[in-house]
Amino acid sequence: MSIGNSPEDERPFEDDREEARPSIGRALQQARIAAGLTVDDVSSATRVRLPIVHAIEADDFGPCGGDVYARGHIRTLAKAVHLDPAPLLAQYDDAHGGRPAPTPAAPLFEAERIRPERRGPNWTAAMVAAIVAVVGFVGFTAFKGDGDDGSKTQVADGAKPSTSASASPTPKNDKPEDPKPAPSDSAIAAAPQDKVTVQVTAPDGKSWIHVKDHNGRQLFDGLLEQGESQTFQDNEKINLVLGDAGAIQLYVNGKKIDDDWEPGAVERLTYTKGDPQAG
């Protein structure tokens, strides 16, 4: 008879807590039902489309369009049904490889900068300017020489030198002064009229933002911390997705956008040249 643990006692302890924890979609669905809300109610309150709400409650995150959008929808739906979104987001990150790392912003204006066409030197204008300069110098020298001779003759004869004759004439500068440009109120106010300029600022909190140009090329995809600001510019339009629109302040073509967005709301916006118009 041996004394010790039986083989059953040496088996690894199985933790059933993971099985007991409901899935993300199941947790959101149960909280919605407990709050007495329908799927239509949640969709109307959060502006998340009805098919996406159904898909998330079924733990299908494909229609969200990516991890960034999925995390934003989970956060928005959790707040709508009075759930803490942090555990759900942690559960999503565990199941999908962790929180996505923010990508660096694309170089501003570099892609859209129009390089001026190189032109050869304008020899005709240079020759005309040189001739004018020579003629002016010769005329000034001759005029100054005549004035000096007259002054010397009058002094030799004993006459009082004339002040007007002895005074050296001051050459007239016919070139008008270059007008100084009036200083602009801000860098955004001086944005080019033929482009659309969007400044995204997070004064009240942090928010995930996703930015594309008119060709669909990604300009930014990451977290904008509180107090940070990013500016984007394109020839035609800027497409934005705001993970927490309530924390964002927008300036489009030098004008402040005064939309009253709810905290945690996901907003998809498009801005073009001219007056700001949300797409």
Protein backbone atom coordinates (compact mmCIF):
# COMPACT_ATOMS: atom_id res chain seq x y z
CA MET A 1 0.00 0.00 0.00
CA SER A 2 1.56 3.25 -1.13
CA ILE A 3 1.15 6.55 0.59
CA GLY A 4 0.86 9.66 -1.59
CA ASN A 5 -1.30 11.34 -4.12
CA SER A 6 -3.36 9.22 -6.45
CA PRO A 7 -3.05 9.76 -10.24
CA GLU A 8 -6.31 11.64 -10.13
CA ASP A 9 -4.80 14.08 -7.62
CA GLU A 10 -1.81 14.71 -9.90
CA ARG A 11 -3.97 15.84 -12.82
CA PRO A 12 -3.67 19.59 -13.57
CA PHE A 13 -6.35 21.74 -12.05
CA GLU A 14 -8.83 22.80 -14.69
CA ASP A 15 -10.03 26.37 -14.37
CA ASP A 16 -13.65 26.63 -15.42
CA ARG A 17 -13.78 30.40 -15.03
CA GLU A 18 -13.21 30.98 -18.75
CA GLU A 19 -16.13 28.71 -19.58
CA ALA A 20 -18.29 30.49 -17.02
CA ARG A 21 -17.50 33.92 -18.48
CA PRO A 22 -19.98 34.81 -21.26
CA SER A 23 -18.74 35.93 -24.67
CA ILE A 24 -18.63 39.60 -25.61
CA GLY A 25 -21.76 39.42 -27.72
CA ARG A 26 -23.63 37.38 -25.11
CA ALA A 27 -22.68 39.88 -22.36
CA LEU A 28 -23.87 42.82 -24.45
CA GLN A 29 -27.12 41.04 -25.33
CA GLN A 30 -27.89 40.12 -21.72
CA ALA A 31 -27.18 43.68 -20.54
CA ARG A 32 -29.42 45.08 -23.29
CA ILE A 33 -32.28 42.80 -22.34
CA ALA A 34 -31.81 43.59 -18.65
CA ALA A 35 -31.99 47.31 -19.50
CA GLY A 36 -35.28 46.75 -21.33
CA LEU A 37 -33.86 47.89 -24.70
CA THR A 38 -34.37 46.47 -28.17
CA VAL A 39 -31.71 46.22 -30.87
CA ASP A 40 -33.43 49.11 -32.65
CA ASP A 41 -33.20 51.21 -29.47
CA VAL A 42 -29.47 50.56 -29.15
CA SER A 43 -28.84 51.23 -32.84
CA SER A 44 -30.71 54.55 -32.70
CA ALA A 45 -28.94 55.67 -29.52
CA THR A 46 -25.41 54.78 -30.68
CA ARG A 47 -25.72 55.39 -34.44
CA VAL A 48 -24.24 51.92 -34.99
CA ARG A 49 -26.03 50.30 -37.92
CA LEU A 50 -28.56 47.58 -37.10
CA PRO A 51 -26.75 44.72 -38.94
CA ILE A 52 -23.52 45.49 -37.04
CA VAL A 53 -25.34 45.37 -33.65
CA HIS A 54 -26.83 41.98 -34.57
CA ALA A 55 -23.43 40.70 -35.73
CA ILE A 56 -21.61 41.83 -32.56
CA GLU A 57 -24.23 40.21 -30.31
CA ALA A 58 -23.57 37.03 -32.32
CA ASP A 59 -19.78 37.46 -31.72
CA ASP A 60 -19.22 38.14 -35.41
CA PHE A 61 -16.89 41.15 -35.68
CA GLY A 62 -16.22 40.86 -39.42
CA PRO A 63 -18.80 43.51 -40.45
CA CYS A 64 -17.03 46.04 -38.19
CA GLY A 65 -14.26 46.44 -40.76
CA GLY A 66 -11.22 45.91 -38.52
CA ASP A 67 -10.01 45.78 -34.93
CA VAL A 68 -10.08 49.55 -34.45
CA TYR A 69 -13.74 49.79 -35.51
CA ALA A 70 -14.67 46.67 -33.57
CA ARG A 71 -13.16 48.06 -30.36
CA GLY A 72 -14.96 51.37 -30.90
CA HIS A 73 -18.32 49.61 -31.44
CA ILE A 74 -17.84 47.43 -28.36
CA ARG A 75 -17.08 50.50 -26.25
CA THR A 76 -20.11 52.38 -27.63
CA LEU A 77 -22.57 49.48 -27.19
CA ALA A 78 -21.31 48.72 -23.68
CA LYS A 79 -21.93 52.30 -22.55
CA ALA A 80 -25.39 52.25 -24.12
CA VAL A 81 -26.43 49.18 -22.08
CA HIS A 82 -24.69 50.41 -18.89
CA LEU A 83 -21.72 48.02 -18.98
CA ASP A 84 -18.08 48.76 -18.19
CA PRO A 85 -16.36 48.45 -21.59
CA ALA A 86 -12.86 47.79 -20.17
CA PRO A 87 -13.35 44.02 -19.40
CA LEU A 88 -15.01 43.47 -22.79
CA LEU A 89 -12.16 45.24 -24.61
CA ALA A 90 -9.60 43.19 -22.68
CA GLN A 91 -11.50 40.02 -23.60
CA TYR A 92 -11.52 41.11 -27.27
CA ASP A 93 -7.77 41.85 -27.21
CA ASP A 94 -7.05 38.42 -25.68
CA ALA A 95 -9.01 36.72 -28.43
CA HIS A 96 -7.61 38.79 -31.32
CA GLY A 97 -3.92 39.08 -30.58
CA GLY A 98 -3.80 42.11 -28.29
CA ARG A 99 -4.48 45.77 -28.73
CA PRO A 100 -3.42 47.09 -32.18
CA ALA A 101 -0.36 49.32 -32.07
CA PRO A 102 -0.98 52.85 -33.38
CA THR A 103 0.55 53.52 -36.77
CA PRO A 104 2.61 56.68 -37.29
CA ALA A 105 0.95 59.53 -39.09
CA ALA A 106 1.72 59.86 -42.78
CA PRO A 107 4.03 62.77 -43.65
CA LEU A 108 1.78 65.78 -43.81
CA PHE A 109 1.50 67.52 -47.16
CA GLU A 110 4.46 65.59 -48.62
CA ALA A 111 2.31 63.38 -50.81
CA GLU A 112 0.10 66.23 -51.96
CA ARG A 113 2.80 68.82 -52.52
CA ILE A 114 2.86 70.04 -56.10
CA ARG A 115 6.41 70.67 -57.14
CA PRO A 116 6.81 73.81 -59.25
CA GLU A 117 7.93 73.32 -62.81
CA ARG A 118 11.56 74.29 -63.29
CA ARG A 119 12.11 77.01 -65.83
CA GLY A 120 15.26 78.37 -67.36
CA PRO A 121 16.53 81.88 -66.57
CA ASN A 122 14.71 84.75 -68.28
CA TRP A 123 17.63 86.26 -70.21
CA THR A 124 15.48 88.91 -71.91
CA ALA A 125 14.35 90.40 -68.60
CA ALA A 126 17.93 90.24 -67.28
CA MET A 127 19.30 92.13 -70.32
CA VAL A 128 16.62 94.82 -70.07
CA ALA A 129 17.36 95.28 -66.36
CA ALA A 130 21.10 95.55 -67.06
CA ILE A 131 20.58 98.18 -69.80
CA VAL A 132 18.31 100.24 -67.57
CA ALA A 133 20.88 100.08 -64.76
CA VAL A 134 23.74 101.20 -67.05
CA VAL A 135 21.75 104.08 -68.56
CA GLY A 136 20.67 105.24 -65.12
CA PHE A 137 24.23 105.12 -63.78
CA VAL A 138 25.63 107.07 -66.77
CA GLY A 139 22.92 109.73 -66.52
CA PHE A 140 23.41 110.11 -62.78
CA THR A 141 27.20 110.44 -63.17
CA ALA A 142 26.89 113.09 -65.95
CA PHE A 143 24.36 115.09 -63.95
CA LYS A 144 26.54 114.99 -60.85
CA GLY A 145 29.62 116.05 -62.86
CA ASP A 146 27.83 119.11 -64.33
CA GLY A 147 26.77 120.22 -60.88
CA ASP A 148 30.34 120.00 -59.52
CA ASP A 149 31.80 122.14 -62.41
CA GLY A 150 29.25 124.91 -61.94
CA SER A 151 29.94 125.06 -58.22
CA LYS A 152 33.71 125.38 -58.73
CA THR A 153 33.31 128.20 -61.32
CA GLN A 154 31.12 130.27 -59.04
CA VAL A 155 33.55 129.96 -56.12
CA ALA A 156 36.49 131.04 -58.32
CA ASP A 157 34.65 134.23 -59.43
CA GLY A 158 33.95 135.16 -55.81
CA ALA A 159 30.21 134.51 -55.99
CA LYS A 160 28.37 132.71 -53.27
CA PRO A 161 27.86 129.07 -54.15
CA SER A 162 24.31 128.14 -54.86
CA THR A 163 22.89 125.69 -52.44
CA SER A 164 20.66 124.10 -55.05
CA ALA A 165 23.53 123.71 -57.52
CA SER A 166 25.99 122.23 -55.02
CA ALA A 167 23.58 119.81 -53.46
CA SER A 168 23.94 116.32 -54.81
CA PRO A 169 20.73 115.12 -56.39
CA THR A 170 19.21 112.11 -54.77
CA PRO A 171 18.53 109.30 -57.24
CA LYS A 172 14.89 108.48 -57.47
CA ASN A 173 13.97 104.93 -56.73
CA ASP A 174 11.23 104.07 -59.20
CA LYS A 175 10.86 100.51 -57.89
CA PRO A 176 7.82 100.30 -55.62
CA GLU A 177 8.26 98.67 -52.27
CA ASP A 178 7.01 95.14 -52.00
CA PRO A 179 3.76 95.12 -50.03
CA LYS A 180 4.04 93.18 -46.81
CA PRO A 181 1.47 90.44 -46.50
CA ALA A 182 -0.98 90.91 -43.68
CA PRO A 183 -0.41 88.32 -40.94
CA SER A 184 -3.04 85.61 -40.82
CA ASP A 185 -5.03 84.83 -37.71
CA SER A 186 -3.77 81.25 -37.63
CA ALA A 187 -2.06 78.65 -39.75
CA ILE A 188 -5.45 77.03 -40.51
CA ALA A 189 -7.01 80.34 -41.58
CA ALA A 190 -4.26 80.61 -44.23
CA ALA A 191 -4.97 77.12 -45.61
CA PRO A 192 -4.99 76.89 -49.43
CA GLN A 193 -8.39 77.49 -50.96
CA ASP A 194 -7.85 74.69 -53.52
CA LYS A 195 -7.38 72.02 -50.80
CA VAL A 196 -9.31 70.70 -47.83
CA THR A 197 -7.53 71.08 -44.47
CA VAL A 198 -8.75 69.23 -41.36
CA GLN A 199 -7.30 69.64 -37.87
CA VAL A 200 -8.26 66.99 -35.29
CA THR A 201 -7.72 67.91 -31.61
CA ALA A 202 -8.47 65.92 -28.45
CA PRO A 203 -8.97 68.59 -25.74
CA ASP A 204 -11.31 66.59 -23.48
CA GLY A 205 -9.90 63.05 -23.66
CA LYS A 206 -8.31 60.51 -25.95
CA SER A 207 -9.87 58.87 -28.98
CA TRP A 208 -8.99 56.45 -31.75
CA ILE A 209 -9.08 58.13 -35.16
CA HIS A 210 -8.76 56.76 -38.67
CA VAL A 211 -8.02 59.14 -41.58
CA LYS A 212 -7.96 58.51 -45.36
CA ASP A 213 -7.48 60.76 -48.40
CA HIS A 214 -9.70 60.88 -51.49
CA ASN A 215 -7.87 57.87 -52.99
CA GLY A 216 -8.62 55.75 -49.92
CA ARG A 217 -5.00 55.86 -48.76
CA GLN A 218 -4.56 55.71 -44.99
CA LEU A 219 -3.08 58.89 -43.48
CA PHE A 220 -3.47 57.99 -39.79
CA ASP A 221 -4.77 55.08 -37.74
CA GLY A 222 -4.15 55.23 -34.02
CA LEU A 223 -4.86 56.79 -30.64
CA LEU A 224 -4.92 60.57 -30.26
CA GLU A 225 -4.01 61.30 -26.64
CA GLN A 226 -5.64 64.13 -24.68
CA GLY A 227 -4.16 67.48 -25.67
CA GLU A 228 -2.67 66.14 -28.93
CA SER A 229 -3.55 67.47 -32.37
CA GLN A 230 -3.11 66.25 -35.94
CA THR A 231 -3.63 68.17 -39.20
CA PHE A 232 -4.40 66.54 -42.57
CA GLN A 233 -4.71 68.00 -46.08
CA ASP A 234 -5.87 66.66 -49.45
CA ASN A 235 -6.73 68.03 -52.90
CA GLU A 236 -10.35 66.81 -52.78
CA LYS A 237 -11.58 65.33 -49.49
CA ILE A 238 -10.65 63.88 -46.09
CA ASN A 239 -12.47 60.83 -44.67
CA LEU A 240 -12.56 60.49 -40.87
CA VAL A 241 -13.66 57.83 -38.38
CA LEU A 242 -13.75 59.01 -34.75
CA GLY A 243 -13.83 56.26 -32.10
CA ASP A 244 -14.96 58.67 -29.36
CA ALA A 245 -16.37 61.73 -31.11
CA GLY A 246 -17.31 63.40 -27.82
CA ALA A 247 -13.61 63.92 -27.02
CA ILE A 248 -12.76 65.45 -30.42
CA GLN A 249 -12.81 69.05 -31.69
CA LEU A 250 -12.57 69.59 -35.49
CA TYR A 251 -11.44 72.60 -37.50
CA VAL A 252 -12.18 72.33 -41.22
CA ASN A 253 -10.75 74.90 -43.66
CA GLY A 254 -10.21 77.31 -40.78
CA LYS A 255 -13.72 76.92 -39.32
CA LYS A 256 -14.66 75.22 -36.05
CA ILE A 257 -17.18 72.36 -36.32
CA ASP A 258 -19.74 72.75 -33.52
CA ASP A 259 -21.46 69.34 -33.72
CA ASP A 260 -22.70 68.12 -30.33
CA TRP A 261 -21.34 64.57 -30.36
CA GLU A 262 -22.09 62.24 -27.46
CA PRO A 263 -19.15 60.77 -25.49
CA GLY A 264 -18.23 57.33 -26.83
CA ALA A 265 -20.11 57.85 -30.13
CA VAL A 266 -18.44 56.55 -33.30
CA GLU A 267 -18.67 59.10 -36.13
CA ARG A 268 -17.83 58.67 -39.82
CA LEU A 269 -17.28 62.04 -41.53
CA THR A 270 -16.18 63.39 -44.91
CA TYR A 271 -15.03 66.96 -45.57
CA THR A 272 -14.32 68.67 -48.90
CA LYS A 273 -13.10 72.05 -50.12
CA GLY A 274 -15.12 75.19 -49.41
CA ASP A 275 -17.57 75.40 -46.52
CA PRO A 276 -17.38 72.45 -44.10
CA GLN A 277 -19.97 69.89 -44.98
CA ALA A 278 -20.10 66.60 -43.08
CA GLY A 279 -20.39 63.66 -45.44
